[in-house]
Amino acid sequence: MYEVSEEYVRAALAFQGVPVPPDELRNVHLRLSLWMKALNEIEAVLGEQMNDVDPIPPVYPQEEF
């Protein structure tokens, strides 16, 4: 199970140079924690099925449309 601490979120944002006001850090932490919880639930249901498929590679068009 993946869990993130508020300190981890603070450090990750600082490392990436993403400015977040201190009063918003708790909100960012809660949102990321909920996202990670949802991913854990998806992984619990799908399990090994996720390992059996290859990811779709990004597609970059060669000509303008």
PDB file of N, CA and C in Angstrom:
ATOM      1  N   MET A   1       0.845  -1.175   0.000  1.00  0.00           N
ATOM      2  CA  MET A   1       0.000   0.000   0.000  1.00  0.00           C
ATOM      3  C   MET A   1       0.895   1.245   0.000  1.00  0.00           C
ATOM      4  N   TYR A   2       0.533   2.183  -0.819  1.00  0.00           N
ATOM      5  CA  TYR A   2       1.287   3.423  -0.912  1.00  0.00           C
ATOM      6  C   TYR A   2       0.653   4.490  -0.029  1.00  0.00           C
ATOM      7  N   GLU A   3       1.449   5.074   0.837  1.00  0.00           N
ATOM      8  CA  GLU A   3       0.979   6.162   1.675  1.00  0.00           C
ATOM      9  C   GLU A   3       2.005   7.280   1.598  1.00  0.00           C
ATOM     10  N   VAL A   4       1.519   8.498   1.644  1.00  0.00           N
ATOM     11  CA  VAL A   4       2.421   9.645   1.592  1.00  0.00           C
ATOM     12  C   VAL A   4       2.192  10.503   2.825  1.00  0.00           C
ATOM     13  N   SER A   5       3.288  11.007   3.359  1.00  0.00           N
ATOM     14  CA  SER A   5       3.191  11.897   4.509  1.00  0.00           C
ATOM     15  C   SER A   5       3.126  13.342   4.020  1.00  0.00           C
ATOM     16  N   GLU A   6       2.710  14.209   4.896  1.00  0.00           N
ATOM     17  CA  GLU A   6       2.662  15.627   4.546  1.00  0.00           C
ATOM     18  C   GLU A   6       4.076  16.150   4.279  1.00  0.00           C
ATOM     19  N   GLU A   7       5.040  15.632   5.010  1.00  0.00           N
ATOM     20  CA  GLU A   7       6.429  16.045   4.797  1.00  0.00           C
ATOM     21  C   GLU A   7       6.929  15.593   3.422  1.00  0.00           C
ATOM     22  N   TYR A   8       6.536  14.385   3.007  1.00  0.00           N
ATOM     23  CA  TYR A   8       6.911  13.902   1.676  1.00  0.00           C
ATOM     24  C   TYR A   8       6.341  14.807   0.591  1.00  0.00           C
ATOM     25  N   VAL A   9       5.084  15.177   0.742  1.00  0.00           N
ATOM     26  CA  VAL A   9       4.444  16.057  -0.238  1.00  0.00           C
ATOM     27  C   VAL A   9       5.183  17.391  -0.294  1.00  0.00           C
ATOM     28  N   ARG A  10       5.498  17.935   0.860  1.00  0.00           N
ATOM     29  CA  ARG A  10       6.224  19.209   0.921  1.00  0.00           C
ATOM     30  C   ARG A  10       7.572  19.091   0.195  1.00  0.00           C
ATOM     31  N   ALA A  11       8.306  18.023   0.483  1.00  0.00           N
ATOM     32  CA  ALA A  11       9.619  17.825  -0.132  1.00  0.00           C
ATOM     33  C   ALA A  11       9.512  17.603  -1.640  1.00  0.00           C
ATOM     34  N   ALA A  12       8.522  16.810  -2.074  1.00  0.00           N
ATOM     35  CA  ALA A  12       8.351  16.540  -3.508  1.00  0.00           C
ATOM     36  C   ALA A  12       8.001  17.816  -4.270  1.00  0.00           C
ATOM     37  N   LEU A  13       7.129  18.629  -3.693  1.00  0.00           N
ATOM     38  CA  LEU A  13       6.769  19.890  -4.336  1.00  0.00           C
ATOM     39  C   LEU A  13       7.969  20.819  -4.415  1.00  0.00           C
ATOM     40  N   ALA A  14       8.746  20.893  -3.346  1.00  0.00           N
ATOM     41  CA  ALA A  14       9.938  21.742  -3.347  1.00  0.00           C
ATOM     42  C   ALA A  14      10.956  21.243  -4.365  1.00  0.00           C
ATOM     43  N   PHE A  15      11.151  19.940  -4.440  1.00  0.00           N
ATOM     44  CA  PHE A  15      12.105  19.355  -5.388  1.00  0.00           C
ATOM     45  C   PHE A  15      11.736  19.686  -6.826  1.00  0.00           C
ATOM     46  N   GLN A  16      10.430  19.674  -7.117  1.00  0.00           N
ATOM     47  CA  GLN A  16       9.965  19.953  -8.475  1.00  0.00           C
ATOM     48  C   GLN A  16       9.788  21.445  -8.740  1.00  0.00           C
ATOM     49  N   GLY A  17       9.986  22.260  -7.724  1.00  0.00           N
ATOM     50  CA  GLY A  17       9.868  23.695  -7.889  1.00  0.00           C
ATOM     51  C   GLY A  17       8.437  24.178  -8.019  1.00  0.00           C
ATOM     52  N   VAL A  18       7.510  23.421  -7.456  1.00  0.00           N
ATOM     53  CA  VAL A  18       6.096  23.788  -7.519  1.00  0.00           C
ATOM     54  C   VAL A  18       5.759  24.607  -6.278  1.00  0.00           C
ATOM     55  N   PRO A  19       5.438  25.883  -6.460  1.00  0.00           N
ATOM     56  CA  PRO A  19       5.126  26.705  -5.296  1.00  0.00           C
ATOM     57  C   PRO A  19       3.702  26.436  -4.789  1.00  0.00           C
ATOM     58  N   VAL A  20       3.595  26.076  -3.528  1.00  0.00           N
ATOM     59  CA  VAL A  20       2.298  25.864  -2.896  1.00  0.00           C
ATOM     60  C   VAL A  20       2.304  26.652  -1.590  1.00  0.00           C
ATOM     61  N   PRO A  21       1.315  27.527  -1.412  1.00  0.00           N
ATOM     62  CA  PRO A  21       1.252  28.270  -0.153  1.00  0.00           C
ATOM     63  C   PRO A  21       1.115  27.307   1.030  1.00  0.00           C
ATOM     64  N   PRO A  22       1.746  27.638   2.137  1.00  0.00           N
ATOM     65  CA  PRO A  22       1.703  26.741   3.311  1.00  0.00           C
ATOM     66  C   PRO A  22       0.285  26.375   3.755  1.00  0.00           C
ATOM     67  N   ASP A  23      -0.653  27.302   3.609  1.00  0.00           N
ATOM     68  CA  ASP A  23      -2.018  26.996   4.039  1.00  0.00           C
ATOM     69  C   ASP A  23      -2.736  26.044   3.083  1.00  0.00           C
ATOM     70  N   GLU A  24      -2.157  25.774   1.902  1.00  0.00           N
ATOM     71  CA  GLU A  24      -2.746  24.835   0.941  1.00  0.00           C
ATOM     72  C   GLU A  24      -2.092  23.461   0.984  1.00  0.00           C
ATOM     73  N   LEU A  25      -0.994  23.346   1.719  1.00  0.00           N
ATOM     74  CA  LEU A  25      -0.256  22.082   1.749  1.00  0.00           C
ATOM     75  C   LEU A  25      -1.109  20.943   2.279  1.00  0.00           C
ATOM     76  N   ARG A  26      -1.889  21.190   3.297  1.00  0.00           N
ATOM     77  CA  ARG A  26      -2.758  20.145   3.862  1.00  0.00           C
ATOM     78  C   ARG A  26      -3.751  19.659   2.808  1.00  0.00           C
ATOM     79  N   ASN A  27      -4.317  20.574   2.051  1.00  0.00           N
ATOM     80  CA  ASN A  27      -5.271  20.226   0.995  1.00  0.00           C
ATOM     81  C   ASN A  27      -4.601  19.366  -0.080  1.00  0.00           C
ATOM     82  N   VAL A  28      -3.409  19.744  -0.492  1.00  0.00           N
ATOM     83  CA  VAL A  28      -2.676  18.958  -1.497  1.00  0.00           C
ATOM     84  C   VAL A  28      -2.385  17.564  -0.949  1.00  0.00           C
ATOM     85  N   HIS A  29      -1.967  17.492   0.300  1.00  0.00           N
ATOM     86  CA  HIS A  29      -1.682  16.202   0.924  1.00  0.00           C
ATOM     87  C   HIS A  29      -2.920  15.314   0.964  1.00  0.00           C
ATOM     88  N   LEU A  30      -4.057  15.871   1.350  1.00  0.00           N
ATOM     89  CA  LEU A  30      -5.295  15.084   1.409  1.00  0.00           C
ATOM     90  C   LEU A  30      -5.709  14.578   0.030  1.00  0.00           C
ATOM     91  N   ARG A  31      -5.605  15.445  -0.968  1.00  0.00           N
ATOM     92  CA  ARG A  31      -5.976  15.028  -2.331  1.00  0.00           C
ATOM     93  C   ARG A  31      -5.059  13.928  -2.848  1.00  0.00           C
ATOM     94  N   LEU A  32      -3.760  14.067  -2.633  1.00  0.00           N
ATOM     95  CA  LEU A  32      -2.822  13.039  -3.081  1.00  0.00           C
ATOM     96  C   LEU A  32      -3.052  11.734  -2.326  1.00  0.00           C
ATOM     97  N   SER A  33      -3.329  11.833  -1.033  1.00  0.00           N
ATOM     98  CA  SER A  33      -3.595  10.633  -0.237  1.00  0.00           C
ATOM     99  C   SER A  33      -4.837   9.895  -0.742  1.00  0.00           C
ATOM    100  N   LEU A  34      -5.883  10.636  -1.066  1.00  0.00           N
ATOM    101  CA  LEU A  34      -7.101  10.008  -1.602  1.00  0.00           C
ATOM    102  C   LEU A  34      -6.841   9.367  -2.962  1.00  0.00           C
ATOM    103  N   TRP A  35      -6.040  10.021  -3.778  1.00  0.00           N
ATOM    104  CA  TRP A  35      -5.690   9.476  -5.098  1.00  0.00           C
ATOM    105  C   TRP A  35      -4.908   8.173  -4.935  1.00  0.00           C
ATOM    106  N   MET A  36      -3.951   8.172  -4.023  1.00  0.00           N
ATOM    107  CA  MET A  36      -3.165   6.963  -3.785  1.00  0.00           C
ATOM    108  C   MET A  36      -4.040   5.842  -3.214  1.00  0.00           C
ATOM    109  N   LYS A  37      -5.003   6.188  -2.356  1.00  0.00           N
ATOM    110  CA  LYS A  37      -5.926   5.188  -1.811  1.00  0.00           C
ATOM    111  C   LYS A  37      -6.745   4.563  -2.944  1.00  0.00           C
ATOM    112  N   ALA A  38      -7.221   5.393  -3.873  1.00  0.00           N
ATOM    113  CA  ALA A  38      -7.991   4.875  -5.007  1.00  0.00           C
ATOM    114  C   ALA A  38      -7.128   3.958  -5.868  1.00  0.00           C
ATOM    115  N   LEU A  39      -5.877   4.325  -6.091  1.00  0.00           N
ATOM    116  CA  LEU A  39      -4.982   3.466  -6.877  1.00  0.00           C
ATOM    117  C   LEU A  39      -4.746   2.133  -6.175  1.00  0.00           C
ATOM    118  N   ASN A  40      -4.623   2.166  -4.864  1.00  0.00           N
ATOM    119  CA  ASN A  40      -4.459   0.922  -4.103  1.00  0.00           C
ATOM    120  C   ASN A  40      -5.676   0.018  -4.266  1.00  0.00           C
ATOM    121  N   GLU A  41      -6.869   0.607  -4.242  1.00  0.00           N
ATOM    122  CA  GLU A  41      -8.097  -0.178  -4.410  1.00  0.00           C
ATOM    123  C   GLU A  41      -8.181  -0.781  -5.807  1.00  0.00           C
ATOM    124  N   ILE A  42      -7.790  -0.011  -6.811  1.00  0.00           N
ATOM    125  CA  ILE A  42      -7.784  -0.528  -8.189  1.00  0.00           C
ATOM    126  C   ILE A  42      -6.805  -1.683  -8.306  1.00  0.00           C
ATOM    127  N   GLU A  43      -5.618  -1.505  -7.747  1.00  0.00           N
ATOM    128  CA  GLU A  43      -4.612  -2.560  -7.813  1.00  0.00           C
ATOM    129  C   GLU A  43      -5.064  -3.813  -7.066  1.00  0.00           C
ATOM    130  N   ALA A  44      -5.784  -3.650  -5.967  1.00  0.00           N
ATOM    131  CA  ALA A  44      -6.278  -4.796  -5.212  1.00  0.00           C
ATOM    132  C   ALA A  44      -7.280  -5.604  -6.028  1.00  0.00           C
ATOM    133  N   VAL A  45      -8.081  -4.931  -6.840  1.00  0.00           N
ATOM    134  CA  VAL A  45      -9.086  -5.617  -7.649  1.00  0.00           C
ATOM    135  C   VAL A  45      -8.455  -6.249  -8.890  1.00  0.00           C
ATOM    136  N   LEU A  46      -7.604  -5.498  -9.565  1.00  0.00           N
ATOM    137  CA  LEU A  46      -7.038  -5.981 -10.824  1.00  0.00           C
ATOM    138  C   LEU A  46      -5.814  -6.859 -10.634  1.00  0.00           C
ATOM    139  N   GLY A  47      -5.050  -6.590  -9.594  1.00  0.00           N
ATOM    140  CA  GLY A  47      -3.891  -7.408  -9.271  1.00  0.00           C
ATOM    141  C   GLY A  47      -2.972  -7.666 -10.443  1.00  0.00           C
ATOM    142  N   GLU A  48      -2.751  -8.927 -10.711  1.00  0.00           N
ATOM    143  CA  GLU A  48      -1.804  -9.337 -11.748  1.00  0.00           C
ATOM    144  C   GLU A  48      -2.255  -8.969 -13.167  1.00  0.00           C
ATOM    145  N   GLN A  49      -3.528  -8.696 -13.349  1.00  0.00           N
ATOM    146  CA  GLN A  49      -4.001  -8.309 -14.683  1.00  0.00           C
ATOM    147  C   GLN A  49      -3.270  -7.063 -15.176  1.00  0.00           C
ATOM    148  N   MET A  50      -2.901  -6.193 -14.256  1.00  0.00           N
ATOM    149  CA  MET A  50      -2.196  -4.975 -14.640  1.00  0.00           C
ATOM    150  C   MET A  50      -0.808  -5.284 -15.195  1.00  0.00           C
ATOM    151  N   ASN A  51      -0.215  -6.381 -14.767  1.00  0.00           N
ATOM    152  CA  ASN A  51       1.120  -6.761 -15.237  1.00  0.00           C
ATOM    153  C   ASN A  51       1.085  -7.513 -16.555  1.00  0.00           C
ATOM    154  N   ASP A  52      -0.100  -7.977 -16.964  1.00  0.00           N
ATOM    155  CA  ASP A  52      -0.213  -8.793 -18.166  1.00  0.00           C
ATOM    156  C   ASP A  52      -0.373  -7.990 -19.446  1.00  0.00           C
ATOM    157  N   VAL A  53      -0.515  -6.690 -19.344  1.00  0.00           N
ATOM    158  CA  VAL A  53      -0.695  -5.858 -20.538  1.00  0.00           C
ATOM    159  C   VAL A  53       0.425  -4.838 -20.630  1.00  0.00           C
ATOM    160  N   ASP A  54       0.763  -4.498 -21.853  1.00  0.00           N
ATOM    161  CA  ASP A  54       1.777  -3.479 -22.084  1.00  0.00           C
ATOM    162  C   ASP A  54       1.114  -2.110 -22.098  1.00  0.00           C
ATOM    163  N   PRO A  55       1.801  -1.110 -21.576  1.00  0.00           N
ATOM    164  CA  PRO A  55       1.223   0.244 -21.629  1.00  0.00           C
ATOM    165  C   PRO A  55       1.158   0.743 -23.062  1.00  0.00           C
ATOM    166  N   ILE A  56       0.219   1.615 -23.319  1.00  0.00           N
ATOM    167  CA  ILE A  56       0.089   2.208 -24.642  1.00  0.00           C
ATOM    168  C   ILE A  56       1.166   3.276 -24.788  1.00  0.00           C
ATOM    169  N   PRO A  57       2.000   3.173 -25.829  1.00  0.00           N
ATOM    170  CA  PRO A  57       3.051   4.177 -25.990  1.00  0.00           C
ATOM    171  C   PRO A  57       2.449   5.513 -26.433  1.00  0.00           C
ATOM    172  N   PRO A  58       3.099   6.611 -26.079  1.00  0.00           N
ATOM    173  CA  PRO A  58       2.598   7.903 -26.533  1.00  0.00           C
ATOM    174  C   PRO A  58       2.698   8.008 -28.053  1.00  0.00           C
ATOM    175  N   VAL A  59       1.758   8.689 -28.627  1.00  0.00           N
ATOM    176  CA  VAL A  59       1.726   8.872 -30.085  1.00  0.00           C
ATOM    177  C   VAL A  59       1.934  10.345 -30.382  1.00  0.00           C
ATOM    178  N   TYR A  60       2.896  10.621 -31.193  1.00  0.00           N
ATOM    179  CA  TYR A  60       3.200  11.995 -31.578  1.00  0.00           C
ATOM    180  C   TYR A  60       2.980  12.130 -33.087  1.00  0.00           C
ATOM    181  N   PRO A  61       1.970  12.886 -33.504  1.00  0.00           N
ATOM    182  CA  PRO A  61       1.724  13.033 -34.944  1.00  0.00           C
ATOM    183  C   PRO A  61       2.932  13.680 -35.646  1.00  0.00           C
ATOM    184  N   GLN A  62       3.190  13.211 -36.829  1.00  0.00           N
ATOM    185  CA  GLN A  62       4.331  13.712 -37.594  1.00  0.00           C
ATOM    186  C   GLN A  62       3.965  14.909 -38.454  1.00  0.00           C
ATOM    187  N   GLU A  63       2.684  15.124 -38.691  1.00  0.00           N
ATOM    188  CA  GLU A  63       2.276  16.249 -39.519  1.00  0.00           C
ATOM    189  C   GLU A  63       1.199  17.045 -38.790  1.00  0.00           C
ATOM    190  N   GLU A  64       1.117  18.306 -39.122  1.00  0.00           N
ATOM    191  CA  GLU A  64       0.138  19.161 -38.476  1.00  0.00           C
ATOM    192  C   GLU A  64      -1.232  18.922 -39.090  1.00  0.00           C
ATOM    193  N   PHE A  65      -2.248  19.072 -38.283  1.00  0.00           N
ATOM    194  CA  PHE A  65      -3.620  18.893 -38.759  1.00  0.00           C
ATOM    195  C   PHE A  65      -4.317  20.209 -38.805  1.00  0.00           C
TER     196      PHE A  65
END
